[in-house]
Amino acid sequence: MTVIAIFGPTASGKSSVAESVVERIPAELVSADAMQVYRDLPLLTNHSEHPTRLVGIWPLDHEASVGEYARLAHAAVDEILAAGKTPVVVGGTGLYLRAALADLVLPPAPGPGQRERWSRLYDEEGAGAAHARLAELDAAAAAAVHTNDRRRIVRALELVDAGVSLMGDRLWTEETRHPTLVVGLDVPKDVLDQRIVARTEAMFDAGVQDEVRAALVGPISATARKTLGLDEVANLPRDEAIAAIVVRTRRYAAYQRKWMRRIPGVVMVEADRPPGEIADDIVALARTRERLPRR
């Protein structure tokens, strides 16, 4: 039986498409979203009303980790398969999607002060100097990372300190725990931009300001604080918050689109159409894949 994974940028319609798939075949949804694991912020993190595993499983003071999520996701996928159903893994957090589908060997966390050290090198001595230093320490990683990619250069230098190469990260392989169809939802940028505005405004109309106010009364973890829009909703007037969140969400969506195209074996599907039509195509693709001879 094939696992179906649905990835796409924010507001691409992932949840609606996944729910439509479940209407067509015996299946269950598994969330691959780093913020939907938290409860108490359902509007801000766009919780689906359809029963979905790994949504709202932790309180806001819980420090989430990819490793902990991966164990729960693997158990959920295996349990759904054992029941004779298709797991539909859906989400926009690339690392969580991959963690749900594969046995990842996660790179080590940076040692004390290492991130600050290499960030300071990049910021104070310049991109060229930081890239040159990486070339001295890990030529293969330097050849694969653009000089202006601050995040990856800093991370590559951290890994060198830990005795690991960025090029040894197995995140981008096609290996999965079970046969898997990975679908990417492709929505034209102008359409996606309009959807982001509409969804952000709808979130405020539904009462996200009250939701955030109530959530921040209690303790909140460093990972939960990364929820996109949390600070804006908490600190800005409605119109200013909407404008700021739209800008940040569009930027994040652009990053997700780049991430999506780096997934090995991803099947891109035009998603500027009704969710039911997209779901029909995904189910047909999955059935075709199941009929292919095993290699």
C-alpha atoms as a PDB file:
ATOM      1  CA  MET A   1       0.000   0.000   0.000  1.00  0.00           C
ATOM      2  CA  THR A   2       1.278   3.475  -0.904  1.00  0.00           C
ATOM      3  CA  VAL A   3       1.590   6.341   1.543  1.00  0.00           C
ATOM      4  CA  ILE A   4       0.392   9.640   0.068  1.00  0.00           C
ATOM      5  CA  ALA A   5       2.251  12.810   1.049  1.00  0.00           C
ATOM      6  CA  ILE A   6       0.869  16.219   0.102  1.00  0.00           C
ATOM      7  CA  PHE A   7       3.127  19.268   0.326  1.00  0.00           C
ATOM      8  CA  GLY A   8       2.636  22.835  -0.771  1.00  0.00           C
ATOM      9  CA  PRO A   9       3.130  26.423   0.281  1.00  0.00           C
ATOM     10  CA  THR A  10       0.871  28.180   2.764  1.00  0.00           C
ATOM     11  CA  ALA A  11      -2.636  28.745   1.354  1.00  0.00           C
ATOM     12  CA  SER A  12      -2.147  26.281  -1.508  1.00  0.00           C
ATOM     13  CA  GLY A  13      -5.159  24.277  -0.292  1.00  0.00           C
ATOM     14  CA  LYS A  14      -3.330  21.286   1.197  1.00  0.00           C
ATOM     15  CA  SER A  15      -5.921  20.564   3.885  1.00  0.00           C
ATOM     16  CA  SER A  16      -8.906  20.747   1.536  1.00  0.00           C
ATOM     17  CA  VAL A  17      -7.206  18.483  -0.999  1.00  0.00           C
ATOM     18  CA  ALA A  18      -6.187  15.970   1.680  1.00  0.00           C
ATOM     19  CA  GLU A  19      -9.719  15.915   3.092  1.00  0.00           C
ATOM     20  CA  SER A  20     -11.055  15.279  -0.415  1.00  0.00           C
ATOM     21  CA  VAL A  21      -8.660  12.338  -0.795  1.00  0.00           C
ATOM     22  CA  VAL A  22     -10.020  10.832   2.428  1.00  0.00           C
ATOM     23  CA  GLU A  23     -13.549  11.121   0.989  1.00  0.00           C
ATOM     24  CA  ARG A  24     -12.489   8.955  -1.961  1.00  0.00           C
ATOM     25  CA  ILE A  25     -10.483   6.127  -0.389  1.00  0.00           C
ATOM     26  CA  PRO A  26     -10.144   4.492   3.052  1.00  0.00           C
ATOM     27  CA  ALA A  27      -7.507   6.815   4.524  1.00  0.00           C
ATOM     28  CA  GLU A  28      -6.503   8.881   7.548  1.00  0.00           C
ATOM     29  CA  LEU A  29      -4.718  12.207   7.740  1.00  0.00           C
ATOM     30  CA  VAL A  30      -1.401  12.793   9.496  1.00  0.00           C
ATOM     31  CA  SER A  31      -0.236  16.379   9.957  1.00  0.00           C
ATOM     32  CA  ALA A  32       3.321  17.388   9.053  1.00  0.00           C
ATOM     33  CA  ASP A  33       3.197  20.938  10.384  1.00  0.00           C
ATOM     34  CA  ALA A  34       5.588  22.158  13.061  1.00  0.00           C
ATOM     35  CA  MET A  35       3.065  24.595  14.568  1.00  0.00           C
ATOM     36  CA  GLN A  36      -0.131  22.562  14.293  1.00  0.00           C
ATOM     37  CA  VAL A  37       1.288  20.184  16.903  1.00  0.00           C
ATOM     38  CA  TYR A  38       0.318  22.849  19.460  1.00  0.00           C
ATOM     39  CA  ARG A  39      -3.155  23.295  20.856  1.00  0.00           C
ATOM     40  CA  ASP A  40      -4.717  26.605  21.926  1.00  0.00           C
ATOM     41  CA  LEU A  41      -3.818  28.382  18.652  1.00  0.00           C
ATOM     42  CA  PRO A  42      -6.115  26.645  16.132  1.00  0.00           C
ATOM     43  CA  LEU A  43      -6.951  29.797  14.177  1.00  0.00           C
ATOM     44  CA  LEU A  44      -3.398  31.091  13.969  1.00  0.00           C
ATOM     45  CA  THR A  45      -2.007  27.697  12.930  1.00  0.00           C
ATOM     46  CA  ASN A  46      -4.958  26.817  10.665  1.00  0.00           C
ATOM     47  CA  HIS A  47      -6.118  23.589  12.316  1.00  0.00           C
ATOM     48  CA  SER A  48      -8.301  21.450  10.075  1.00  0.00           C
ATOM     49  CA  GLU A  49     -11.768  20.574  11.327  1.00  0.00           C
ATOM     50  CA  HIS A  50     -11.311  17.087   9.854  1.00  0.00           C
ATOM     51  CA  PRO A  51      -9.858  14.493  12.284  1.00  0.00           C
ATOM     52  CA  THR A  52      -6.089  14.635  11.757  1.00  0.00           C
ATOM     53  CA  ARG A  53      -3.399  12.873  13.723  1.00  0.00           C
ATOM     54  CA  LEU A  54      -0.645  14.921  15.395  1.00  0.00           C
ATOM     55  CA  VAL A  55      -2.691  18.125  15.485  1.00  0.00           C
ATOM     56  CA  GLY A  56      -2.984  19.845  18.871  1.00  0.00           C
ATOM     57  CA  ILE A  57      -1.045  17.158  20.700  1.00  0.00           C
ATOM     58  CA  TRP A  58       1.148  19.409  22.861  1.00  0.00           C
ATOM     59  CA  PRO A  59       0.537  22.372  25.186  1.00  0.00           C
ATOM     60  CA  LEU A  60       2.159  25.679  24.299  1.00  0.00           C
ATOM     61  CA  ASP A  61       4.872  25.287  26.946  1.00  0.00           C
ATOM     62  CA  HIS A  62       6.186  22.084  25.321  1.00  0.00           C
ATOM     63  CA  GLU A  63       9.567  22.326  23.574  1.00  0.00           C
ATOM     64  CA  ALA A  64       8.968  20.486  20.315  1.00  0.00           C
ATOM     65  CA  SER A  65      11.644  18.610  18.399  1.00  0.00           C
ATOM     66  CA  VAL A  66      11.820  16.902  15.025  1.00  0.00           C
ATOM     67  CA  GLY A  67      13.024  13.694  16.667  1.00  0.00           C
ATOM     68  CA  GLU A  68      10.050  13.503  19.012  1.00  0.00           C
ATOM     69  CA  TYR A  69       7.645  14.304  16.195  1.00  0.00           C
ATOM     70  CA  ALA A  70       9.227  11.659  13.929  1.00  0.00           C
ATOM     71  CA  ARG A  71       8.628   8.869  16.459  1.00  0.00           C
ATOM     72  CA  LEU A  72       4.958   9.810  16.775  1.00  0.00           C
ATOM     73  CA  ALA A  73       4.529  10.195  13.004  1.00  0.00           C
ATOM     74  CA  HIS A  74       6.105   6.807  12.271  1.00  0.00           C
ATOM     75  CA  ALA A  75       3.803   5.149  14.815  1.00  0.00           C
ATOM     76  CA  ALA A  76       0.746   6.873  13.300  1.00  0.00           C
ATOM     77  CA  VAL A  77       1.640   5.889   9.719  1.00  0.00           C
ATOM     78  CA  ASP A  78       2.350   2.283  10.716  1.00  0.00           C
ATOM     79  CA  GLU A  79      -0.920   2.034  12.660  1.00  0.00           C
ATOM     80  CA  ILE A  80      -2.961   3.365   9.732  1.00  0.00           C
ATOM     81  CA  LEU A  81      -1.290   0.928   7.323  1.00  0.00           C
ATOM     82  CA  ALA A  82      -1.900  -1.953   9.730  1.00  0.00           C
ATOM     83  CA  ALA A  83      -5.604  -1.066   9.687  1.00  0.00           C
ATOM     84  CA  GLY A  84      -5.622  -1.439   5.898  1.00  0.00           C
ATOM     85  CA  LYS A  85      -5.948   2.277   5.215  1.00  0.00           C
ATOM     86  CA  THR A  86      -3.816   4.803   3.348  1.00  0.00           C
ATOM     87  CA  PRO A  87      -1.899   7.331   5.437  1.00  0.00           C
ATOM     88  CA  VAL A  88      -2.176  10.811   3.910  1.00  0.00           C
ATOM     89  CA  VAL A  89       0.649  12.898   5.329  1.00  0.00           C
ATOM     90  CA  VAL A  90      -0.079  16.567   4.747  1.00  0.00           C
ATOM     91  CA  GLY A  91       1.752  19.725   5.736  1.00  0.00           C
ATOM     92  CA  GLY A  92       3.945  22.623   4.792  1.00  0.00           C
ATOM     93  CA  THR A  93       6.881  22.108   7.138  1.00  0.00           C
ATOM     94  CA  GLY A  94       9.434  20.427   4.898  1.00  0.00           C
ATOM     95  CA  LEU A  95      11.548  18.844   7.617  1.00  0.00           C
ATOM     96  CA  TYR A  96       8.480  17.476   9.412  1.00  0.00           C
ATOM     97  CA  LEU A  97       7.140  16.009   6.173  1.00  0.00           C
ATOM     98  CA  ARG A  98      10.436  14.278   5.534  1.00  0.00           C
ATOM     99  CA  ALA A  99      10.671  13.132   9.158  1.00  0.00           C
ATOM    100  CA  ALA A 100       7.231  11.531   8.885  1.00  0.00           C
ATOM    101  CA  LEU A 101       8.187   9.605   5.756  1.00  0.00           C
ATOM    102  CA  ALA A 102      11.783   8.522   6.361  1.00  0.00           C
ATOM    103  CA  ASP A 103      14.270   7.402   8.972  1.00  0.00           C
ATOM    104  CA  LEU A 104      16.286  10.593   9.252  1.00  0.00           C
ATOM    105  CA  VAL A 105      19.766  10.793  10.677  1.00  0.00           C
ATOM    106  CA  LEU A 106      19.456  14.297  12.059  1.00  0.00           C
ATOM    107  CA  PRO A 107      22.606  16.432  12.166  1.00  0.00           C
ATOM    108  CA  PRO A 108      23.806  17.412  15.637  1.00  0.00           C
ATOM    109  CA  ALA A 109      22.700  20.615  17.307  1.00  0.00           C
ATOM    110  CA  PRO A 110      25.356  23.362  17.429  1.00  0.00           C
ATOM    111  CA  GLY A 111      27.684  23.380  20.421  1.00  0.00           C
ATOM    112  CA  PRO A 112      27.556  26.203  22.958  1.00  0.00           C
ATOM    113  CA  GLY A 113      28.351  29.507  21.277  1.00  0.00           C
ATOM    114  CA  GLN A 114      29.053  28.002  17.859  1.00  0.00           C
ATOM    115  CA  ARG A 115      26.092  29.569  16.042  1.00  0.00           C
ATOM    116  CA  GLU A 116      26.919  32.977  17.503  1.00  0.00           C
ATOM    117  CA  ARG A 117      30.572  32.586  16.552  1.00  0.00           C
ATOM    118  CA  TRP A 118      29.930  31.773  12.906  1.00  0.00           C
ATOM    119  CA  SER A 119      27.078  34.272  12.601  1.00  0.00           C
ATOM    120  CA  ARG A 120      29.419  36.966  13.866  1.00  0.00           C
ATOM    121  CA  LEU A 121      32.043  35.970  11.286  1.00  0.00           C
ATOM    122  CA  TYR A 122      29.462  36.263   8.491  1.00  0.00           C
ATOM    123  CA  ASP A 123      28.035  39.554   9.726  1.00  0.00           C
ATOM    124  CA  GLU A 124      31.257  41.304  10.709  1.00  0.00           C
ATOM    125  CA  GLU A 125      33.763  40.044   8.137  1.00  0.00           C
ATOM    126  CA  GLY A 126      31.307  39.579   5.302  1.00  0.00           C
ATOM    127  CA  ALA A 127      29.792  36.819   3.204  1.00  0.00           C
ATOM    128  CA  GLY A 128      32.950  36.340   1.178  1.00  0.00           C
ATOM    129  CA  ALA A 129      35.127  35.783   4.228  1.00  0.00           C
ATOM    130  CA  ALA A 130      32.662  33.301   5.751  1.00  0.00           C
ATOM    131  CA  HIS A 131      32.372  31.386   2.476  1.00  0.00           C
ATOM    132  CA  ALA A 132      36.171  31.332   2.108  1.00  0.00           C
ATOM    133  CA  ARG A 133      36.490  29.944   5.631  1.00  0.00           C
ATOM    134  CA  LEU A 134      33.983  27.222   4.778  1.00  0.00           C
ATOM    135  CA  ALA A 135      35.962  26.406   1.633  1.00  0.00           C
ATOM    136  CA  GLU A 136      39.070  25.874   3.787  1.00  0.00           C
ATOM    137  CA  LEU A 137      37.226  23.554   6.167  1.00  0.00           C
ATOM    138  CA  ASP A 138      34.751  21.763   3.876  1.00  0.00           C
ATOM    139  CA  ALA A 139      35.338  22.383   0.186  1.00  0.00           C
ATOM    140  CA  ALA A 140      32.430  20.184  -0.933  1.00  0.00           C
ATOM    141  CA  ALA A 141      29.934  22.104   1.213  1.00  0.00           C
ATOM    142  CA  ALA A 142      31.310  25.452   0.039  1.00  0.00           C
ATOM    143  CA  ALA A 143      30.889  24.391  -3.580  1.00  0.00           C
ATOM    144  CA  ALA A 144      27.230  23.565  -2.939  1.00  0.00           C
ATOM    145  CA  VAL A 145      26.278  26.712  -0.996  1.00  0.00           C
ATOM    146  CA  HIS A 146      25.962  30.200  -2.465  1.00  0.00           C
ATOM    147  CA  THR A 147      28.093  32.911  -0.889  1.00  0.00           C
ATOM    148  CA  ASN A 148      24.999  34.937   0.032  1.00  0.00           C
ATOM    149  CA  ASP A 149      23.136  32.045   1.683  1.00  0.00           C
ATOM    150  CA  ARG A 150      23.844  33.110   5.241  1.00  0.00           C
ATOM    151  CA  ARG A 151      21.746  30.434   6.929  1.00  0.00           C
ATOM    152  CA  ARG A 152      23.343  27.478   5.151  1.00  0.00           C
ATOM    153  CA  ILE A 153      26.884  28.833   5.426  1.00  0.00           C
ATOM    154  CA  VAL A 154      26.495  29.309   9.173  1.00  0.00           C
ATOM    155  CA  ARG A 155      24.977  25.836   9.496  1.00  0.00           C
ATOM    156  CA  ALA A 156      27.744  24.261   7.413  1.00  0.00           C
ATOM    157  CA  LEU A 157      30.374  25.846   9.639  1.00  0.00           C
ATOM    158  CA  GLU A 158      28.563  24.605  12.755  1.00  0.00           C
ATOM    159  CA  LEU A 159      28.573  21.082  11.342  1.00  0.00           C
ATOM    160  CA  VAL A 160      32.289  21.264  10.570  1.00  0.00           C
ATOM    161  CA  ASP A 161      32.878  22.010  14.247  1.00  0.00           C
ATOM    162  CA  ALA A 162      30.861  18.900  15.090  1.00  0.00           C
ATOM    163  CA  GLY A 163      32.908  16.778  12.672  1.00  0.00           C
ATOM    164  CA  VAL A 164      30.058  16.474  10.149  1.00  0.00           C
ATOM    165  CA  SER A 165      29.710  17.773   6.605  1.00  0.00           C
ATOM    166  CA  LEU A 166      26.635  19.522   5.318  1.00  0.00           C
ATOM    167  CA  MET A 167      26.957  17.230   2.307  1.00  0.00           C
ATOM    168  CA  GLY A 168      26.478  14.230   4.567  1.00  0.00           C
ATOM    169  CA  ASP A 169      22.916  15.300   5.395  1.00  0.00           C
ATOM    170  CA  ARG A 170      20.650  12.557   3.985  1.00  0.00           C
ATOM    171  CA  LEU A 171      17.552  14.751   4.041  1.00  0.00           C
ATOM    172  CA  TRP A 172      17.225  14.895   0.260  1.00  0.00           C
ATOM    173  CA  THR A 173      17.276  11.199  -0.623  1.00  0.00           C
ATOM    174  CA  GLU A 174      14.344   9.311  -2.137  1.00  0.00           C
ATOM    175  CA  GLU A 175      14.458   6.671   0.599  1.00  0.00           C
ATOM    176  CA  THR A 176      11.230   6.340   2.582  1.00  0.00           C
ATOM    177  CA  ARG A 177      10.026   3.868   5.191  1.00  0.00           C
ATOM    178  CA  HIS A 178       7.139   2.772   2.961  1.00  0.00           C
ATOM    179  CA  PRO A 179       6.372   3.176  -0.768  1.00  0.00           C
ATOM    180  CA  THR A 180       5.329   6.819  -0.995  1.00  0.00           C
ATOM    181  CA  LEU A 181       3.768   9.151  -3.541  1.00  0.00           C
ATOM    182  CA  VAL A 182       4.877  12.716  -2.795  1.00  0.00           C
ATOM    183  CA  VAL A 183       2.644  15.334  -4.406  1.00  0.00           C
ATOM    184  CA  GLY A 184       3.491  19.027  -4.639  1.00  0.00           C
ATOM    185  CA  LEU A 185       0.628  21.491  -5.056  1.00  0.00           C
ATOM    186  CA  ASP A 186       1.576  24.088  -7.648  1.00  0.00           C
ATOM    187  CA  VAL A 187      -0.425  27.327  -7.427  1.00  0.00           C
ATOM    188  CA  PRO A 188       0.437  30.424  -9.528  1.00  0.00           C
ATOM    189  CA  LYS A 189       2.103  33.088  -7.402  1.00  0.00           C
ATOM    190  CA  ASP A 190      -0.550  35.747  -7.998  1.00  0.00           C
ATOM    191  CA  VAL A 191      -3.318  33.347  -6.982  1.00  0.00           C
ATOM    192  CA  LEU A 192      -1.366  32.278  -3.906  1.00  0.00           C
ATOM    193  CA  ASP A 193      -0.806  35.907  -2.891  1.00  0.00           C
ATOM    194  CA  GLN A 194      -4.546  36.578  -3.068  1.00  0.00           C
ATOM    195  CA  ARG A 195      -5.313  33.477  -1.017  1.00  0.00           C
ATOM    196  CA  ILE A 196      -2.819  34.531   1.659  1.00  0.00           C
ATOM    197  CA  VAL A 197      -4.528  37.912   2.035  1.00  0.00           C
ATOM    198  CA  ALA A 198      -7.993  36.331   2.174  1.00  0.00           C
ATOM    199  CA  ARG A 199      -6.960  33.720   4.720  1.00  0.00           C
ATOM    200  CA  THR A 200      -5.229  36.252   6.951  1.00  0.00           C
ATOM    201  CA  GLU A 201      -8.272  38.527   6.973  1.00  0.00           C
ATOM    202  CA  ALA A 202     -10.575  35.568   7.669  1.00  0.00           C
ATOM    203  CA  MET A 203      -8.379  34.581  10.605  1.00  0.00           C
ATOM    204  CA  PHE A 204      -8.909  37.997  12.204  1.00  0.00           C
ATOM    205  CA  ASP A 205     -12.628  37.932  11.453  1.00  0.00           C
ATOM    206  CA  ALA A 206     -12.811  34.588  13.281  1.00  0.00           C
ATOM    207  CA  GLY A 207     -11.246  36.025  16.437  1.00  0.00           C
ATOM    208  CA  VAL A 208      -7.522  35.268  16.307  1.00  0.00           C
ATOM    209  CA  GLN A 209      -6.720  38.300  18.466  1.00  0.00           C
ATOM    210  CA  ASP A 210      -8.725  36.890  21.379  1.00  0.00           C
ATOM    211  CA  GLU A 211      -7.152  33.475  20.789  1.00  0.00           C
ATOM    212  CA  VAL A 212      -3.603  34.839  20.986  1.00  0.00           C
ATOM    213  CA  ARG A 213      -4.421  37.009  23.997  1.00  0.00           C
ATOM    214  CA  ALA A 214      -5.707  33.975  25.910  1.00  0.00           C
ATOM    215  CA  ALA A 215      -2.787  31.779  24.830  1.00  0.00           C
ATOM    216  CA  LEU A 216      -0.167  34.253  26.026  1.00  0.00           C
ATOM    217  CA  VAL A 217      -1.579  34.352  29.548  1.00  0.00           C
ATOM    218  CA  GLY A 218       0.254  31.115  30.298  1.00  0.00           C
ATOM    219  CA  PRO A 219       3.818  29.900  29.672  1.00  0.00           C
ATOM    220  CA  ILE A 220       4.931  29.356  26.088  1.00  0.00           C
ATOM    221  CA  SER A 221       7.973  27.502  24.800  1.00  0.00           C
ATOM    222  CA  ALA A 222      10.673  28.890  22.531  1.00  0.00           C
ATOM    223  CA  THR A 223       9.491  26.637  19.709  1.00  0.00           C
ATOM    224  CA  ALA A 224       5.842  27.682  20.046  1.00  0.00           C
ATOM    225  CA  ARG A 225       6.907  31.330  20.022  1.00  0.00           C
ATOM    226  CA  LYS A 226       8.113  30.826  16.449  1.00  0.00           C
ATOM    227  CA  THR A 227       4.507  30.526  15.253  1.00  0.00           C
ATOM    228  CA  LEU A 228       4.150  32.853  12.298  1.00  0.00           C
ATOM    229  CA  GLY A 229       2.005  35.859  13.196  1.00  0.00           C
ATOM    230  CA  LEU A 230       2.060  35.390  16.963  1.00  0.00           C
ATOM    231  CA  ASP A 231       4.000  38.558  17.735  1.00  0.00           C
ATOM    232  CA  GLU A 232       2.149  40.616  15.142  1.00  0.00           C
ATOM    233  CA  VAL A 233      -1.276  39.631  16.456  1.00  0.00           C
ATOM    234  CA  ALA A 234      -0.191  40.243  20.039  1.00  0.00           C
ATOM    235  CA  ASN A 235       1.466  43.625  19.532  1.00  0.00           C
ATOM    236  CA  LEU A 236      -0.030  45.420  16.531  1.00  0.00           C
ATOM    237  CA  PRO A 237      -3.429  46.933  15.689  1.00  0.00           C
ATOM    238  CA  ARG A 238      -5.556  44.755  13.412  1.00  0.00           C
ATOM    239  CA  ASP A 239      -4.767  46.413  10.066  1.00  0.00           C
ATOM    240  CA  GLU A 240      -1.034  46.689  10.769  1.00  0.00           C
ATOM    241  CA  ALA A 241      -0.929  43.092  11.976  1.00  0.00           C
ATOM    242  CA  ILE A 242      -2.686  41.839   8.843  1.00  0.00           C
ATOM    243  CA  ALA A 243      -0.284  43.731   6.582  1.00  0.00           C
ATOM    244  CA  ALA A 244       2.772  42.439   8.467  1.00  0.00           C
ATOM    245  CA  ILE A 245       1.547  38.847   8.522  1.00  0.00           C
ATOM    246  CA  VAL A 246       0.776  38.917   4.801  1.00  0.00           C
ATOM    247  CA  VAL A 247       4.343  40.060   4.061  1.00  0.00           C
ATOM    248  CA  ARG A 248       5.868  37.365   6.271  1.00  0.00           C
ATOM    249  CA  THR A 249       3.551  34.665   4.941  1.00  0.00           C
ATOM    250  CA  ARG A 250       4.346  35.488   1.321  1.00  0.00           C
ATOM    251  CA  ARG A 251       8.042  35.302   2.120  1.00  0.00           C
ATOM    252  CA  TYR A 252       7.557  31.943   3.848  1.00  0.00           C
ATOM    253  CA  ALA A 253       5.481  30.644   0.929  1.00  0.00           C
ATOM    254  CA  ALA A 254       8.308  31.530  -1.470  1.00  0.00           C
ATOM    255  CA  TYR A 255      10.683  29.500   0.705  1.00  0.00           C
ATOM    256  CA  GLN A 256       8.240  26.575   0.741  1.00  0.00           C
ATOM    257  CA  ARG A 257       7.976  26.641  -3.058  1.00  0.00           C
ATOM    258  CA  LYS A 258      11.763  26.352  -3.320  1.00  0.00           C
ATOM    259  CA  TRP A 259      11.764  23.546  -0.749  1.00  0.00           C
ATOM    260  CA  MET A 260       9.020  21.706  -2.652  1.00  0.00           C
ATOM    261  CA  ARG A 261      11.038  21.585  -5.854  1.00  0.00           C
ATOM    262  CA  ARG A 262      13.978  20.044  -4.002  1.00  0.00           C
ATOM    263  CA  ILE A 263      12.001  17.002  -2.835  1.00  0.00           C
ATOM    264  CA  PRO A 264      13.300  13.985  -4.790  1.00  0.00           C
ATOM    265  CA  GLY A 265      10.599  12.293  -6.839  1.00  0.00           C
ATOM    266  CA  VAL A 266       7.931  14.918  -6.140  1.00  0.00           C
ATOM    267  CA  VAL A 267       5.012  14.866  -8.589  1.00  0.00           C
ATOM    268  CA  MET A 268       3.823  18.413  -9.239  1.00  0.00           C
ATOM    269  CA  VAL A 269       0.066  18.860  -9.621  1.00  0.00           C
ATOM    270  CA  GLU A 270      -1.692  22.004 -10.816  1.00  0.00           C
ATOM    271  CA  ALA A 271      -3.659  23.176  -7.782  1.00  0.00           C
ATOM    272  CA  ASP A 272      -5.497  26.239  -9.056  1.00  0.00           C
ATOM    273  CA  ARG A 273      -8.762  24.281  -9.334  1.00  0.00           C
ATOM    274  CA  PRO A 274     -11.349  22.608  -7.069  1.00  0.00           C
ATOM    275  CA  PRO A 275      -9.919  20.317  -4.337  1.00  0.00           C
ATOM    276  CA  GLY A 276     -12.021  17.390  -5.567  1.00  0.00           C
ATOM    277  CA  GLU A 277     -10.435  17.466  -9.011  1.00  0.00           C
ATOM    278  CA  ILE A 278      -6.959  17.548  -7.495  1.00  0.00           C
ATOM    279  CA  ALA A 279      -7.850  14.685  -5.158  1.00  0.00           C
ATOM    280  CA  ASP A 280      -9.080  12.599  -8.104  1.00  0.00           C
ATOM    281  CA  ASP A 281      -5.705  13.044  -9.806  1.00  0.00           C
ATOM    282  CA  ILE A 282      -3.795  12.148  -6.634  1.00  0.00           C
ATOM    283  CA  VAL A 283      -5.826   8.980  -6.046  1.00  0.00           C
ATOM    284  CA  ALA A 284      -5.298   7.945  -9.678  1.00  0.00           C
ATOM    285  CA  LEU A 285      -1.554   8.545  -9.359  1.00  0.00           C
ATOM    286  CA  ALA A 286      -1.397   6.490  -6.155  1.00  0.00           C
ATOM    287  CA  ARG A 287      -3.281   3.575  -7.726  1.00  0.00           C
ATOM    288  CA  THR A 288      -1.017   3.635 -10.766  1.00  0.00           C
ATOM    289  CA  ARG A 289       2.029   3.599  -8.528  1.00  0.00           C
ATOM    290  CA  GLU A 290       0.695   0.608  -6.568  1.00  0.00           C
ATOM    291  CA  ARG A 291       0.307  -1.350  -9.828  1.00  0.00           C
ATOM    292  CA  LEU A 292       3.880  -0.698 -10.914  1.00  0.00           C
ATOM    293  CA  PRO A 293       6.245  -3.664 -10.464  1.00  0.00           C
ATOM    294  CA  ARG A 294       8.503  -3.448  -7.427  1.00  0.00           C
ATOM    295  CA  ARG A 295      12.117  -2.743  -8.231  1.00  0.00           C
END
